[in-house]
């Protein structure tokens, strides 16, 4: 898959007042005084989506813990690049956070020339995780994941966009030997519509409550998850890497989490991580996001950063191939 440059123009205007600040080494105040003003939480997607919901679930809790206003700001565009460029253009002082997911933090800078990389983003902690799933129409003749991936036919696979994490997962499945032709649609909604309309043989989409309900009512059937292992709320659904020939797969989880600009003082990053851990233990926060998608054990900044780095390595191989 060729490296794209189409997002360069999208982020250029933001970069004029953004990334030029990356060398300033920080902002006003010290770690002992943090926070000293309103904290911005950038969401690199429009209001109403999963990332926005997660941000607005966490923000009030962080606001109470930090003793300063935490304002959620939607900065959509460029597959997350506009919001990330905005965040990276601010001082590394903890007063600008970003709620990211794997697509914006990992896939966008790998697939496009956006002027930054994963290394410019410092993870604070995970908020939720949503595996991608492989699903079929409820009437599909394919009853198991192995039947599907080893079919003696050229299958049409619905991908959620032209260069999304879900699309890269399908590229990895194809590279491992599945007989598929990718057909891009507009996000999860487009994939579900294509499946329900019998326009494709199967598709991939990030899990959500609606998909779980459709799996339960039989209108769509989830045959597999692309995460490294099975998930508790779909115990009978295998991971793709359980299928012979597909053992090397398993990067397909969308991690939601808070990041700051790399170089933020350790004391500030630790304070944010500690407060986020407390918030993720609050029932009110977990219920808004979906309790099944929030880890019982908090995933801190270093662990989330490592997960992003492992995904970056896996997807670099797909994109480079």
Protein backbone atom coordinates (compact mmCIF):
# COMPACT_ATOMS: atom_id res chain seq x y z
CA UNK A 1 0.00 0.00 0.00
CA UNK A 2 1.58 3.30 -1.07
CA UNK A 3 2.27 6.01 1.44
CA UNK A 4 -0.22 8.81 0.88
CA UNK A 5 0.49 12.56 0.89
CA UNK A 6 -3.04 13.88 0.49
CA UNK A 7 -3.36 14.94 4.13
CA UNK A 8 -0.39 17.29 3.97
CA UNK A 9 -2.53 20.17 2.76
CA UNK A 10 -5.20 19.45 5.34
CA UNK A 11 -2.84 19.85 8.26
CA UNK A 12 -0.66 22.60 6.79
CA UNK A 13 -2.72 25.48 8.18
CA UNK A 14 -2.77 23.93 11.62
CA UNK A 15 0.96 23.32 11.43
CA UNK A 16 1.66 27.01 10.78
CA UNK A 17 0.75 27.74 14.38
CA UNK A 18 1.32 24.22 15.65
CA UNK A 19 4.40 22.12 15.16
CA UNK A 20 6.65 25.19 15.06
CA UNK A 21 6.18 25.24 18.84
CA UNK A 22 7.48 21.71 19.29
CA UNK A 23 10.97 22.85 20.18
CA UNK A 24 9.98 25.24 22.97
CA UNK A 25 10.38 22.57 25.64
CA UNK A 26 7.22 23.30 27.59
CA UNK A 27 4.97 26.05 28.86
CA UNK A 28 4.07 28.23 31.78
CA UNK A 29 4.34 27.03 35.35
CA UNK A 30 5.99 24.02 36.96
CA UNK A 31 4.90 20.49 37.78
CA UNK A 32 4.23 21.57 41.37
CA UNK A 33 1.83 24.24 40.12
CA UNK A 34 0.03 22.01 37.60
CA UNK A 35 -2.57 22.67 36.45
CA UNK A 36 -2.45 26.45 36.45
CA UNK A 37 -5.19 27.07 33.88
CA UNK A 38 -7.97 25.40 31.90
CA UNK A 39 -7.03 22.02 30.43
CA UNK A 40 -8.06 21.32 26.84
CA UNK A 41 -8.92 17.77 25.76
CA UNK A 42 -8.73 17.62 21.97
CA UNK A 43 -10.88 15.08 20.14
CA UNK A 44 -9.63 14.60 16.55
CA UNK A 45 -13.07 13.55 15.28
CA UNK A 46 -16.56 15.08 15.12
CA UNK A 47 -18.87 15.19 18.11
CA UNK A 48 -21.05 12.17 18.79
CA UNK A 49 -18.64 9.38 17.83
CA UNK A 50 -17.00 6.84 20.09
CA UNK A 51 -13.86 8.89 20.76
CA UNK A 52 -15.96 11.95 21.60
CA UNK A 53 -18.18 9.92 23.95
CA UNK A 54 -15.10 8.56 25.73
CA UNK A 55 -13.64 12.05 26.11
CA UNK A 56 -16.85 13.51 27.50
CA UNK A 57 -17.15 10.60 29.94
CA UNK A 58 -13.65 11.17 31.32
CA UNK A 59 -13.45 14.99 31.25
CA UNK A 60 -15.78 15.79 34.19
CA UNK A 61 -13.97 13.30 36.42
CA UNK A 62 -10.56 14.72 35.52
CA UNK A 63 -11.88 18.23 36.04
CA UNK A 64 -12.90 17.41 39.60
CA UNK A 65 -9.60 15.67 40.30
CA UNK A 66 -7.40 18.41 38.84
CA UNK A 67 -9.33 21.34 40.26
CA UNK A 68 -9.38 23.17 36.91
CA UNK A 69 -11.84 23.15 34.01
CA UNK A 70 -11.31 20.39 31.44
CA UNK A 71 -12.84 21.47 28.13
CA UNK A 72 -13.44 18.98 25.30
CA UNK A 73 -12.76 20.47 21.86
CA UNK A 74 -13.52 18.66 18.60
CA UNK A 75 -10.85 19.27 15.96
CA UNK A 76 -11.93 16.95 13.15
CA UNK A 77 -10.25 16.43 9.79
CA UNK A 78 -7.49 14.59 8.00
CA UNK A 79 -8.26 11.19 9.60
CA UNK A 80 -7.36 12.66 12.98
CA UNK A 81 -4.33 14.64 11.76
CA UNK A 82 -5.85 18.08 12.31
CA UNK A 83 -6.57 17.44 15.99
CA UNK A 84 -3.23 15.76 16.64
CA UNK A 85 -1.34 18.59 14.93
CA UNK A 86 -3.22 21.05 17.12
CA UNK A 87 -2.26 19.14 20.28
CA UNK A 88 1.38 18.79 19.24
CA UNK A 89 1.59 22.51 18.55
CA UNK A 90 0.89 23.41 22.18
CA UNK A 91 3.44 23.61 25.02
CA UNK A 92 4.40 20.27 26.57
CA UNK A 93 3.00 21.29 29.94
CA UNK A 94 -0.02 19.00 30.33
CA UNK A 95 -2.59 21.68 29.62
CA UNK A 96 -3.48 20.14 26.25
CA UNK A 97 -4.49 16.49 26.14
CA UNK A 98 -5.84 14.43 23.27
CA UNK A 99 -8.21 11.49 23.26
CA UNK A 100 -6.86 9.26 20.51
CA UNK A 101 -7.48 5.80 19.11
CA UNK A 102 -5.22 3.48 17.15
CA UNK A 103 -6.32 4.83 13.76
CA UNK A 104 -5.38 8.43 14.57
CA UNK A 105 -2.31 7.74 16.72
CA UNK A 106 -0.78 4.92 14.66
CA UNK A 107 -2.38 4.40 11.25
CA UNK A 108 -2.70 8.02 10.09
CA UNK A 109 0.99 8.97 10.55
CA UNK A 110 2.04 5.65 9.00
CA UNK A 111 -0.18 6.00 5.94
CA UNK A 112 0.11 9.73 5.30
CA UNK A 113 2.68 12.52 5.26
CA UNK A 114 1.34 14.51 8.22
CA UNK A 115 4.56 15.88 9.68
CA UNK A 116 4.56 13.88 12.91
CA UNK A 117 4.84 10.28 14.09
CA UNK A 118 3.78 8.10 16.99
CA UNK A 119 6.98 9.08 18.81
CA UNK A 120 5.74 12.67 19.10
CA UNK A 121 2.80 11.45 21.21
CA UNK A 122 3.24 10.37 24.83
CA UNK A 123 0.57 8.02 26.18
CA UNK A 124 -1.00 8.77 29.57
CA UNK A 125 -3.25 5.74 29.85
CA UNK A 126 -5.90 3.62 28.18
CA UNK A 127 -9.58 4.45 28.41
CA UNK A 128 -11.07 1.54 26.45
CA UNK A 129 -10.32 -1.11 23.85
CA UNK A 130 -12.52 -2.24 20.98
CA UNK A 131 -11.42 -5.18 18.83
CA UNK A 132 -12.23 -5.32 15.16
CA UNK A 133 -14.46 -8.23 14.25
CA UNK A 134 -15.02 -10.28 11.12
CA UNK A 135 -18.73 -10.59 10.46
CA UNK A 136 -21.17 -11.93 7.89
CA UNK A 137 -24.84 -11.59 7.07
CA UNK A 138 -27.02 -13.74 9.30
CA UNK A 139 -27.93 -15.88 6.26
CA UNK A 140 -24.34 -16.38 5.11
CA UNK A 141 -23.35 -19.95 4.18
CA UNK A 142 -20.09 -19.46 6.07
CA UNK A 143 -20.66 -20.80 9.55
CA UNK A 144 -17.15 -20.59 10.99
CA UNK A 145 -14.17 -18.30 10.67
CA UNK A 146 -12.03 -21.11 9.27
CA UNK A 147 -14.66 -21.86 6.59
CA UNK A 148 -14.54 -18.22 5.53
CA UNK A 149 -10.78 -17.66 5.55
CA UNK A 150 -10.04 -20.89 3.68
CA UNK A 151 -12.90 -20.67 1.18
CA UNK A 152 -12.21 -21.82 -2.37
CA UNK A 153 -13.64 -18.61 -3.83
CA UNK A 154 -12.78 -14.97 -4.37
CA UNK A 155 -14.73 -13.25 -1.61
CA UNK A 156 -15.68 -9.59 -1.44
CA UNK A 157 -14.77 -8.04 1.91
CA UNK A 158 -16.27 -4.76 3.11
CA UNK A 159 -13.61 -2.47 4.55
CA UNK A 160 -14.43 0.56 6.75
CA UNK A 161 -12.75 3.20 4.61
CA UNK A 162 -9.84 3.33 2.22
CA UNK A 163 -7.00 3.52 4.77
CA UNK A 164 -8.44 2.72 8.21
CA UNK A 165 -7.18 0.29 10.80
CA UNK A 166 -9.94 -2.10 9.75
CA UNK A 167 -8.76 -1.92 6.16
CA UNK A 168 -5.19 -2.71 7.22
CA UNK A 169 -6.52 -5.70 9.14
CA UNK A 170 -8.16 -7.01 5.98
CA UNK A 171 -4.93 -6.38 4.05
CA UNK A 172 -3.10 -8.48 6.64
CA UNK A 173 -5.70 -11.25 6.38
CA UNK A 174 -5.38 -11.18 2.60
CA UNK A 175 -1.58 -11.27 2.77
CA UNK A 176 -1.83 -14.34 5.01
CA UNK A 177 -3.69 -16.20 2.30
CA UNK A 178 -7.40 -15.42 2.51
CA UNK A 179 -8.99 -15.26 -0.99
CA UNK A 180 -10.50 -11.77 -0.73
CA UNK A 181 -11.02 -8.57 -2.68
CA UNK A 182 -11.37 -5.44 -0.55
CA UNK A 183 -14.31 -3.11 -1.17
CA UNK A 184 -14.11 0.16 0.82
CA UNK A 185 -17.23 1.62 2.41
CA UNK A 186 -17.87 4.60 4.64
CA UNK A 187 -17.04 3.43 8.15
CA UNK A 188 -18.83 0.83 10.24
CA UNK A 189 -22.25 2.01 9.10
CA UNK A 190 -21.30 1.43 5.47
CA UNK A 191 -19.95 -2.04 6.23
CA UNK A 192 -23.12 -3.06 8.05
CA UNK A 193 -25.34 -1.75 5.25
CA UNK A 194 -23.31 -3.65 2.65
CA UNK A 195 -23.59 -6.86 4.66
CA UNK A 196 -27.31 -6.51 5.31
CA UNK A 197 -27.82 -5.77 1.61
CA UNK A 198 -25.79 -8.82 0.54
CA UNK A 199 -23.41 -6.64 -1.47
CA UNK A 200 -20.35 -8.41 0.00
CA UNK A 201 -19.49 -11.78 1.50
CA UNK A 202 -18.11 -10.49 4.79
CA UNK A 203 -16.67 -7.41 6.37
CA UNK A 204 -14.74 -6.00 9.30
CA UNK A 205 -15.75 -3.30 11.75
CA UNK A 206 -14.82 -2.16 15.21
CA UNK A 207 -17.10 -3.72 17.81
CA UNK A 208 -19.79 -1.63 19.47
CA UNK A 209 -23.04 -2.18 21.37
CA UNK A 210 -25.11 -2.14 18.18
CA UNK A 211 -23.02 -4.87 16.57
CA UNK A 212 -23.27 -6.97 19.70
CA UNK A 213 -27.07 -6.64 19.58
CA UNK A 214 -27.16 -7.57 15.87
CA UNK A 215 -24.99 -10.58 16.61
CA UNK A 216 -27.39 -11.62 19.36
CA UNK A 217 -30.51 -11.19 17.19
CA UNK A 218 -28.89 -13.02 14.26
CA UNK A 219 -29.14 -10.28 11.65
CA UNK A 220 -25.34 -10.26 11.52
CA UNK A 221 -23.00 -12.96 12.80
CA UNK A 222 -19.57 -12.29 14.26
CA UNK A 223 -17.23 -15.11 13.20
CA UNK A 224 -13.97 -13.83 14.65
CA UNK A 225 -12.07 -11.07 16.41
CA UNK A 226 -8.80 -9.65 15.10
CA UNK A 227 -7.38 -8.97 18.56
CA UNK A 228 -4.56 -11.09 19.93
CA UNK A 229 -6.97 -13.26 21.91
CA UNK A 230 -10.67 -13.85 22.49
CA UNK A 231 -12.69 -11.27 24.40
CA UNK A 232 -14.77 -12.06 27.48
CA UNK A 233 -18.06 -10.80 26.06
CA UNK A 234 -17.75 -13.05 22.97
CA UNK A 235 -16.29 -16.19 24.56
CA UNK A 236 -17.32 -18.53 21.74
CA UNK A 237 -15.87 -16.34 18.98
CA UNK A 238 -12.27 -17.25 18.03
CA UNK A 239 -9.41 -14.86 17.41
CA UNK A 240 -8.11 -14.86 13.83
CA UNK A 241 -4.70 -16.08 15.00
CA UNK A 242 -6.28 -19.35 16.16
CA UNK A 243 -6.82 -20.33 12.52
CA UNK A 244 -3.94 -22.30 10.93
CA UNK A 245 -1.99 -20.04 8.59
CA UNK A 246 -3.06 -16.83 10.34
CA UNK A 247 -1.06 -17.19 13.56
CA UNK A 248 0.93 -13.97 13.04
CA UNK A 249 -2.13 -11.73 13.12
CA UNK A 250 -3.54 -10.10 16.25
CA UNK A 251 -2.96 -6.33 16.11
CA UNK A 252 -6.59 -5.55 15.40
CA UNK A 253 -7.72 -3.82 18.58
CA UNK A 254 -8.60 -0.15 18.58
CA UNK A 255 -7.13 1.33 21.75
CA UNK A 256 -8.69 4.54 23.05
CA UNK A 257 -6.50 6.59 25.36
CA UNK A 258 -5.19 9.94 26.46
CA UNK A 259 -1.93 11.31 25.10
CA UNK A 260 0.09 14.48 25.53
CA UNK A 261 2.97 15.92 23.58
CA UNK A 262 6.22 14.01 24.04
CA UNK A 263 8.50 15.86 26.44
CA UNK A 264 5.81 16.65 29.00
CA UNK A 265 7.44 16.62 32.47
CA UNK A 266 7.31 13.20 34.10
CA UNK A 267 5.65 14.56 37.24
CA UNK A 268 2.78 15.98 35.20
CA UNK A 269 2.38 12.84 33.10
CA UNK A 270 2.35 10.74 36.27
CA UNK A 271 -0.26 13.01 37.90
CA UNK A 272 -2.49 12.73 34.84
CA UNK A 273 -2.05 8.96 34.69
CA UNK A 274 -2.90 8.57 38.38
CA UNK A 275 -6.03 10.70 38.06
CA UNK A 276 -7.09 8.86 34.90
CA UNK A 277 -6.67 5.52 36.68
CA UNK A 278 -9.01 6.72 39.42
CA UNK A 279 -11.54 7.93 36.85
CA UNK A 280 -11.49 4.63 34.99
CA UNK A 281 -12.50 2.93 38.21
CA UNK A 282 -15.65 5.05 38.49
CA UNK A 283 -18.84 3.20 37.55
CA UNK A 284 -20.37 6.35 36.05
CA UNK A 285 -17.45 6.70 33.62
CA UNK A 286 -17.31 3.00 32.73
CA UNK A 287 -21.04 2.78 32.05
CA UNK A 288 -21.01 5.68 29.59
CA UNK A 289 -18.20 4.08 27.58
CA UNK A 290 -19.48 0.52 27.98
CA UNK A 291 -18.26 -1.59 30.87
CA UNK A 292 -17.29 -4.50 28.62
CA UNK A 293 -14.86 -2.26 26.74
CA UNK A 294 -13.03 -0.89 29.80
CA UNK A 295 -10.23 -2.99 31.25
CA UNK A 296 -10.64 -4.22 34.81
CA UNK A 297 -6.96 -3.43 35.35
CA UNK A 298 -5.79 0.05 34.37
CA UNK A 299 -3.42 0.18 31.39
CA UNK A 300 -0.94 2.96 32.14
CA UNK A 301 1.00 5.19 29.79
CA UNK A 302 4.06 2.99 29.18
CA UNK A 303 1.86 -0.07 28.55
CA UNK A 304 -0.38 1.80 26.12
CA UNK A 305 2.66 3.31 24.37
CA UNK A 306 4.08 -0.21 23.96
CA UNK A 307 0.79 -1.44 22.49
CA UNK A 308 0.77 1.42 20.00
CA UNK A 309 4.40 0.69 19.07
CA UNK A 310 3.62 -2.98 18.46
CA UNK A 311 0.70 -2.01 16.23
CA UNK A 312 2.91 0.47 14.39
CA UNK A 313 5.43 -2.28 13.67
CA UNK A 314 2.73 -4.68 12.49
CA UNK A 315 1.02 -2.16 10.23
CA UNK A 316 4.31 -0.83 8.84
CA UNK A 317 4.88 -4.30 7.41
CA UNK A 318 1.43 -4.28 5.80
CA UNK A 319 1.80 -0.79 4.37
CA UNK A 320 5.36 -1.42 3.20
CA UNK A 321 4.37 -4.72 1.62
